[in-house]
Amino acid sequence: MYRDLKKHVQNFIRDKPGRRFRGQYKKKKVASPEHPVQYAILLVSGVLLSAFGITVVLLTFGSTVGFLILFIGLVMLGSRSKVAAVFLDRVEVRFLQLYARAYRRLQRKVQTLGRKK
């Protein structure tokens, strides 16, 4: 089980941003067709984990555990639903763009603070 999880995470990281969730969806669909009941249970579990993760993040003011739970729920959703996979790929690309912009701004601020001394 640990090896399978490790392989799954490595494949997820290896995929390019903007294609990770769709790649997981395609791999999951091809690898093992699921029974409709199993599909529904896993989809609902993904939704519930995501909602629980959001709740933990909001109640604990950005807890790392909450983000981890949210991430696991979103990966479960993205690997079971094509619509969710496409949406999550778009959100990931947008988030990375915003992160890069904020990081560049922070670097410029640090550089200007260093020059003032």
N, C-alpha and C. Protein backbone atom coordinates (compact mmCIF):
# COMPACT_ATOMS: atom_id res chain seq x y z
N MET A 1 0.82 -1.20 0.00
CA MET A 1 0.00 0.00 0.00
C MET A 1 0.87 1.26 0.00
N TYR A 2 1.91 1.26 0.83
CA TYR A 2 2.78 2.43 0.90
C TYR A 2 3.47 2.65 -0.45
N ARG A 3 3.91 1.56 -1.10
CA ARG A 3 4.58 1.68 -2.40
C ARG A 3 3.62 2.24 -3.45
N ASP A 4 2.38 1.79 -3.41
CA ASP A 4 1.39 2.28 -4.37
C ASP A 4 1.14 3.78 -4.17
N LEU A 5 1.02 4.18 -2.91
CA LEU A 5 0.80 5.60 -2.61
C LEU A 5 2.00 6.43 -3.05
N LYS A 6 3.19 5.94 -2.77
CA LYS A 6 4.41 6.64 -3.15
C LYS A 6 4.48 6.79 -4.67
N LYS A 7 4.17 5.72 -5.39
CA LYS A 7 4.19 5.75 -6.86
C LYS A 7 3.14 6.74 -7.39
N HIS A 8 1.97 6.74 -6.77
CA HIS A 8 0.89 7.64 -7.16
C HIS A 8 1.31 9.10 -6.98
N VAL A 9 1.93 9.41 -5.85
CA VAL A 9 2.37 10.79 -5.57
C VAL A 9 3.50 11.19 -6.53
N GLN A 10 4.43 10.28 -6.79
CA GLN A 10 5.53 10.59 -7.72
C GLN A 10 4.99 10.86 -9.12
N ASN A 11 4.03 10.07 -9.57
CA ASN A 11 3.43 10.32 -10.88
C ASN A 11 2.70 11.65 -10.92
N PHE A 12 2.03 11.98 -9.82
CA PHE A 12 1.31 13.25 -9.75
C PHE A 12 2.28 14.42 -9.83
N ILE A 13 3.40 14.33 -9.11
CA ILE A 13 4.38 15.41 -9.10
C ILE A 13 5.09 15.50 -10.44
N ARG A 14 5.30 14.38 -11.09
CA ARG A 14 6.02 14.34 -12.37
C ARG A 14 5.23 15.02 -13.49
N ASP A 15 3.91 14.97 -13.43
CA ASP A 15 3.09 15.62 -14.45
C ASP A 15 3.26 17.13 -14.39
N LYS A 16 3.07 17.78 -15.52
CA LYS A 16 3.22 19.24 -15.58
C LYS A 16 2.02 19.93 -14.94
N PRO A 17 2.25 21.09 -14.33
CA PRO A 17 1.12 21.86 -13.79
C PRO A 17 0.13 22.19 -14.91
N GLY A 18 -1.13 22.07 -14.61
CA GLY A 18 -2.16 22.29 -15.61
C GLY A 18 -2.57 21.01 -16.29
N ARG A 19 -1.89 19.92 -16.00
CA ARG A 19 -2.23 18.61 -16.57
C ARG A 19 -2.22 17.51 -15.52
N ARG A 20 -1.91 17.84 -14.29
CA ARG A 20 -1.76 16.83 -13.24
C ARG A 20 -3.07 16.10 -12.95
N PHE A 21 -4.12 16.85 -12.71
CA PHE A 21 -5.38 16.23 -12.31
C PHE A 21 -6.02 15.47 -13.47
N ARG A 22 -5.94 16.04 -14.69
CA ARG A 22 -6.46 15.32 -15.85
C ARG A 22 -5.67 14.04 -16.09
N GLY A 23 -4.36 14.11 -15.87
CA GLY A 23 -3.53 12.92 -16.03
C GLY A 23 -3.92 11.85 -15.04
N GLN A 24 -4.16 12.23 -13.79
CA GLN A 24 -4.58 11.26 -12.78
C GLN A 24 -5.94 10.67 -13.12
N TYR A 25 -6.83 11.52 -13.64
CA TYR A 25 -8.16 11.04 -14.03
C TYR A 25 -8.05 9.99 -15.13
N LYS A 26 -7.24 10.29 -16.14
CA LYS A 26 -7.08 9.34 -17.26
C LYS A 26 -6.43 8.05 -16.81
N LYS A 27 -5.39 8.15 -15.99
CA LYS A 27 -4.71 6.95 -15.50
C LYS A 27 -5.65 6.09 -14.66
N LYS A 28 -6.44 6.73 -13.83
CA LYS A 28 -7.37 6.00 -12.96
C LYS A 28 -8.46 5.32 -13.78
N LYS A 29 -8.94 6.02 -14.79
CA LYS A 29 -10.02 5.48 -15.62
C LYS A 29 -9.53 4.28 -16.42
N VAL A 30 -8.33 4.34 -16.96
CA VAL A 30 -7.77 3.26 -17.76
C VAL A 30 -7.34 2.09 -16.89
N ALA A 31 -6.74 2.38 -15.74
CA ALA A 31 -6.14 1.33 -14.90
C ALA A 31 -7.18 0.38 -14.33
N SER A 32 -8.22 0.91 -13.76
CA SER A 32 -9.20 0.03 -13.10
C SER A 32 -10.59 0.64 -13.16
N PRO A 33 -11.43 0.12 -14.04
CA PRO A 33 -12.82 0.60 -14.04
C PRO A 33 -13.50 0.22 -12.73
N GLU A 34 -14.18 1.17 -12.14
CA GLU A 34 -14.77 0.96 -10.82
C GLU A 34 -16.25 0.64 -10.92
N HIS A 35 -16.73 -0.05 -9.93
CA HIS A 35 -18.16 -0.29 -9.80
C HIS A 35 -18.83 1.04 -9.49
N PRO A 36 -20.03 1.29 -10.01
CA PRO A 36 -20.70 2.57 -9.76
C PRO A 36 -20.85 2.94 -8.29
N VAL A 37 -21.09 1.94 -7.45
CA VAL A 37 -21.23 2.22 -6.01
C VAL A 37 -19.89 2.67 -5.43
N GLN A 38 -18.82 1.98 -5.82
CA GLN A 38 -17.49 2.36 -5.34
C GLN A 38 -17.14 3.77 -5.83
N TYR A 39 -17.47 4.07 -7.09
CA TYR A 39 -17.23 5.39 -7.66
C TYR A 39 -17.96 6.46 -6.85
N ALA A 40 -19.23 6.21 -6.56
CA ALA A 40 -20.03 7.19 -5.81
C ALA A 40 -19.48 7.39 -4.40
N ILE A 41 -19.09 6.30 -3.75
CA ILE A 41 -18.56 6.41 -2.39
C ILE A 41 -17.27 7.23 -2.39
N LEU A 42 -16.38 6.96 -3.34
CA LEU A 42 -15.12 7.70 -3.40
C LEU A 42 -15.33 9.17 -3.78
N LEU A 43 -16.29 9.43 -4.65
CA LEU A 43 -16.59 10.81 -5.03
C LEU A 43 -17.15 11.59 -3.83
N VAL A 44 -18.09 10.99 -3.12
CA VAL A 44 -18.66 11.64 -1.93
C VAL A 44 -17.59 11.81 -0.86
N SER A 45 -16.71 10.82 -0.72
CA SER A 45 -15.61 10.93 0.25
C SER A 45 -14.71 12.11 -0.09
N GLY A 46 -14.43 12.29 -1.38
CA GLY A 46 -13.60 13.43 -1.80
C GLY A 46 -14.26 14.76 -1.47
N VAL A 47 -15.57 14.85 -1.71
CA VAL A 47 -16.30 16.08 -1.40
C VAL A 47 -16.29 16.34 0.11
N LEU A 48 -16.55 15.30 0.89
CA LEU A 48 -16.58 15.46 2.35
C LEU A 48 -15.20 15.82 2.91
N LEU A 49 -14.15 15.16 2.39
CA LEU A 49 -12.80 15.50 2.86
C LEU A 49 -12.44 16.94 2.50
N SER A 50 -12.82 17.37 1.30
CA SER A 50 -12.54 18.75 0.89
C SER A 50 -13.27 19.74 1.80
N ALA A 51 -14.54 19.47 2.06
CA ALA A 51 -15.31 20.35 2.95
C ALA A 51 -14.73 20.37 4.36
N PHE A 52 -14.34 19.20 4.86
CA PHE A 52 -13.73 19.12 6.18
C PHE A 52 -12.41 19.88 6.21
N GLY A 53 -11.61 19.73 5.15
CA GLY A 53 -10.33 20.44 5.06
C GLY A 53 -10.52 21.95 5.08
N ILE A 54 -11.51 22.43 4.33
CA ILE A 54 -11.80 23.87 4.31
C ILE A 54 -12.21 24.33 5.71
N THR A 55 -13.05 23.54 6.37
CA THR A 55 -13.49 23.88 7.72
C THR A 55 -12.31 23.96 8.69
N VAL A 56 -11.42 22.98 8.62
CA VAL A 56 -10.26 22.97 9.51
C VAL A 56 -9.36 24.17 9.23
N VAL A 57 -9.16 24.49 7.94
CA VAL A 57 -8.33 25.65 7.58
C VAL A 57 -8.93 26.93 8.15
N LEU A 58 -10.23 27.09 7.99
CA LEU A 58 -10.88 28.32 8.46
C LEU A 58 -10.92 28.42 9.98
N LEU A 59 -11.16 27.30 10.65
CA LEU A 59 -11.25 27.33 12.11
C LEU A 59 -9.90 27.45 12.80
N THR A 60 -8.84 27.00 12.14
CA THR A 60 -7.51 27.05 12.75
C THR A 60 -6.62 28.10 12.11
N PHE A 61 -7.23 28.99 11.32
CA PHE A 61 -6.50 30.10 10.69
C PHE A 61 -5.32 29.62 9.83
N GLY A 62 -5.58 28.66 8.94
CA GLY A 62 -4.56 28.24 7.99
C GLY A 62 -3.70 27.09 8.47
N SER A 63 -4.29 26.15 9.15
CA SER A 63 -3.54 25.00 9.65
C SER A 63 -3.00 24.16 8.50
N THR A 64 -1.78 23.67 8.66
CA THR A 64 -1.17 22.80 7.66
C THR A 64 -1.95 21.51 7.52
N VAL A 65 -2.46 20.99 8.61
CA VAL A 65 -3.25 19.75 8.57
C VAL A 65 -4.51 19.97 7.73
N GLY A 66 -5.13 21.12 7.88
CA GLY A 66 -6.32 21.43 7.10
C GLY A 66 -6.03 21.47 5.60
N PHE A 67 -4.89 22.07 5.23
CA PHE A 67 -4.52 22.10 3.82
C PHE A 67 -4.22 20.70 3.29
N LEU A 68 -3.62 19.87 4.11
CA LEU A 68 -3.33 18.49 3.71
C LEU A 68 -4.62 17.71 3.48
N ILE A 69 -5.58 17.85 4.39
CA ILE A 69 -6.88 17.18 4.23
C ILE A 69 -7.59 17.69 2.99
N LEU A 70 -7.56 18.99 2.79
CA LEU A 70 -8.18 19.59 1.60
C LEU A 70 -7.53 19.06 0.33
N PHE A 71 -6.21 18.99 0.31
CA PHE A 71 -5.50 18.50 -0.87
C PHE A 71 -5.86 17.05 -1.18
N ILE A 72 -5.92 16.21 -0.15
CA ILE A 72 -6.28 14.81 -0.36
C ILE A 72 -7.69 14.70 -0.92
N GLY A 73 -8.61 15.47 -0.39
CA GLY A 73 -9.98 15.46 -0.90
C GLY A 73 -10.07 15.92 -2.34
N LEU A 74 -9.30 16.96 -2.69
CA LEU A 74 -9.32 17.46 -4.06
C LEU A 74 -8.70 16.46 -5.03
N VAL A 75 -7.65 15.78 -4.60
CA VAL A 75 -7.04 14.75 -5.46
C VAL A 75 -8.03 13.62 -5.68
N MET A 76 -8.77 13.24 -4.64
CA MET A 76 -9.79 12.19 -4.80
C MET A 76 -10.86 12.64 -5.79
N LEU A 77 -11.29 13.88 -5.69
CA LEU A 77 -12.28 14.39 -6.63
C LEU A 77 -11.73 14.43 -8.06
N GLY A 78 -10.53 14.95 -8.20
CA GLY A 78 -9.94 15.10 -9.52
C GLY A 78 -9.65 13.79 -10.21
N SER A 79 -9.39 12.75 -9.44
CA SER A 79 -9.11 11.45 -10.06
C SER A 79 -10.39 10.68 -10.39
N ARG A 80 -11.54 11.16 -9.93
CA ARG A 80 -12.80 10.47 -10.20
C ARG A 80 -13.71 11.23 -11.15
N SER A 81 -13.53 12.54 -11.28
CA SER A 81 -14.44 13.36 -12.09
C SER A 81 -13.65 14.19 -13.09
N LYS A 82 -14.03 14.10 -14.37
CA LYS A 82 -13.33 14.86 -15.40
C LYS A 82 -13.56 16.36 -15.23
N VAL A 83 -14.77 16.73 -14.88
CA VAL A 83 -15.09 18.15 -14.67
C VAL A 83 -14.24 18.72 -13.54
N ALA A 84 -14.14 17.97 -12.44
CA ALA A 84 -13.33 18.42 -11.31
C ALA A 84 -11.86 18.47 -11.70
N ALA A 85 -11.39 17.50 -12.50
CA ALA A 85 -9.99 17.47 -12.92
C ALA A 85 -9.64 18.69 -13.76
N VAL A 86 -10.49 19.04 -14.71
CA VAL A 86 -10.24 20.22 -15.55
C VAL A 86 -10.26 21.49 -14.69
N PHE A 87 -11.23 21.60 -13.80
CA PHE A 87 -11.32 22.76 -12.92
C PHE A 87 -10.09 22.89 -12.03
N LEU A 88 -9.67 21.79 -11.43
CA LEU A 88 -8.52 21.82 -10.53
C LEU A 88 -7.23 22.13 -11.28
N ASP A 89 -7.10 21.68 -12.52
CA ASP A 89 -5.93 22.03 -13.32
C ASP A 89 -5.89 23.54 -13.58
N ARG A 90 -7.03 24.11 -13.89
CA ARG A 90 -7.07 25.57 -14.11
C ARG A 90 -6.77 26.34 -12.84
N VAL A 91 -7.32 25.89 -11.72
CA VAL A 91 -7.07 26.55 -10.43
C VAL A 91 -5.59 26.45 -10.08
N GLU A 92 -4.99 25.28 -10.33
CA GLU A 92 -3.56 25.10 -10.02
C GLU A 92 -2.70 26.08 -10.81
N VAL A 93 -2.97 26.22 -12.11
CA VAL A 93 -2.18 27.14 -12.94
C VAL A 93 -2.35 28.57 -12.44
N ARG A 94 -3.57 28.96 -12.15
CA ARG A 94 -3.82 30.33 -11.65
C ARG A 94 -3.13 30.55 -10.30
N PHE A 95 -3.21 29.57 -9.42
CA PHE A 95 -2.57 29.69 -8.11
C PHE A 95 -1.05 29.83 -8.27
N LEU A 96 -0.46 29.06 -9.15
CA LEU A 96 0.99 29.15 -9.36
C LEU A 96 1.39 30.50 -9.94
N GLN A 97 0.55 31.06 -10.80
CA GLN A 97 0.83 32.40 -11.33
C GLN A 97 0.78 33.44 -10.23
N LEU A 98 -0.24 33.37 -9.38
CA LEU A 98 -0.35 34.32 -8.27
C LEU A 98 0.80 34.15 -7.28
N TYR A 99 1.19 32.91 -7.02
CA TYR A 99 2.31 32.64 -6.12
C TYR A 99 3.60 33.22 -6.67
N ALA A 100 3.84 33.04 -7.98
CA ALA A 100 5.06 33.57 -8.60
C ALA A 100 5.08 35.10 -8.54
N ARG A 101 3.94 35.72 -8.77
CA ARG A 101 3.85 37.18 -8.71
C ARG A 101 4.13 37.68 -7.29
N ALA A 102 3.53 37.03 -6.29
CA ALA A 102 3.75 37.43 -4.90
C ALA A 102 5.21 37.21 -4.50
N TYR A 103 5.81 36.13 -4.96
CA TYR A 103 7.21 35.84 -4.64
C TYR A 103 8.13 36.90 -5.24
N ARG A 104 7.87 37.30 -6.48
CA ARG A 104 8.69 38.35 -7.11
C ARG A 104 8.54 39.67 -6.37
N ARG A 105 7.33 40.01 -5.95
CA ARG A 105 7.12 41.25 -5.19
C ARG A 105 7.87 41.22 -3.86
N LEU A 106 7.81 40.08 -3.20
CA LEU A 106 8.52 39.94 -1.93
C LEU A 106 10.02 40.08 -2.13
N GLN A 107 10.55 39.50 -3.18
CA GLN A 107 11.98 39.63 -3.47
C GLN A 107 12.36 41.09 -3.70
N ARG A 108 11.54 41.82 -4.45
CA ARG A 108 11.83 43.24 -4.69
C ARG A 108 11.79 44.03 -3.39
N LYS A 109 10.84 43.74 -2.52
CA LYS A 109 10.76 44.44 -1.24
C LYS A 109 12.00 44.17 -0.39
N VAL A 110 12.44 42.92 -0.36
CA VAL A 110 13.62 42.56 0.42
C VAL A 110 14.85 43.27 -0.14
N GLN A 111 14.96 43.35 -1.47
CA GLN A 111 16.10 44.02 -2.08
C GLN A 111 16.10 45.52 -1.77
N THR A 112 14.92 46.14 -1.79
CA THR A 112 14.88 47.58 -1.47
C THR A 112 15.17 47.83 0.00
N LEU A 113 14.77 46.92 0.88
CA LEU A 113 15.09 47.08 2.29
C LEU A 113 16.60 46.95 2.51
N GLY A 114 17.24 46.06 1.78
CA GLY A 114 18.68 45.87 1.90
C GLY A 114 19.46 47.08 1.42
N ARG A 115 18.95 47.80 0.43
CA ARG A 115 19.64 48.98 -0.10
C ARG A 115 19.52 50.18 0.82
N LYS A 116 18.44 50.29 1.59
CA LYS A 116 18.21 51.46 2.44
C LYS A 116 19.19 51.53 3.61
N LYS A 117 19.77 50.42 3.98
CA LYS A 117 20.67 50.42 5.15
C LYS A 117 21.94 50.98 4.76
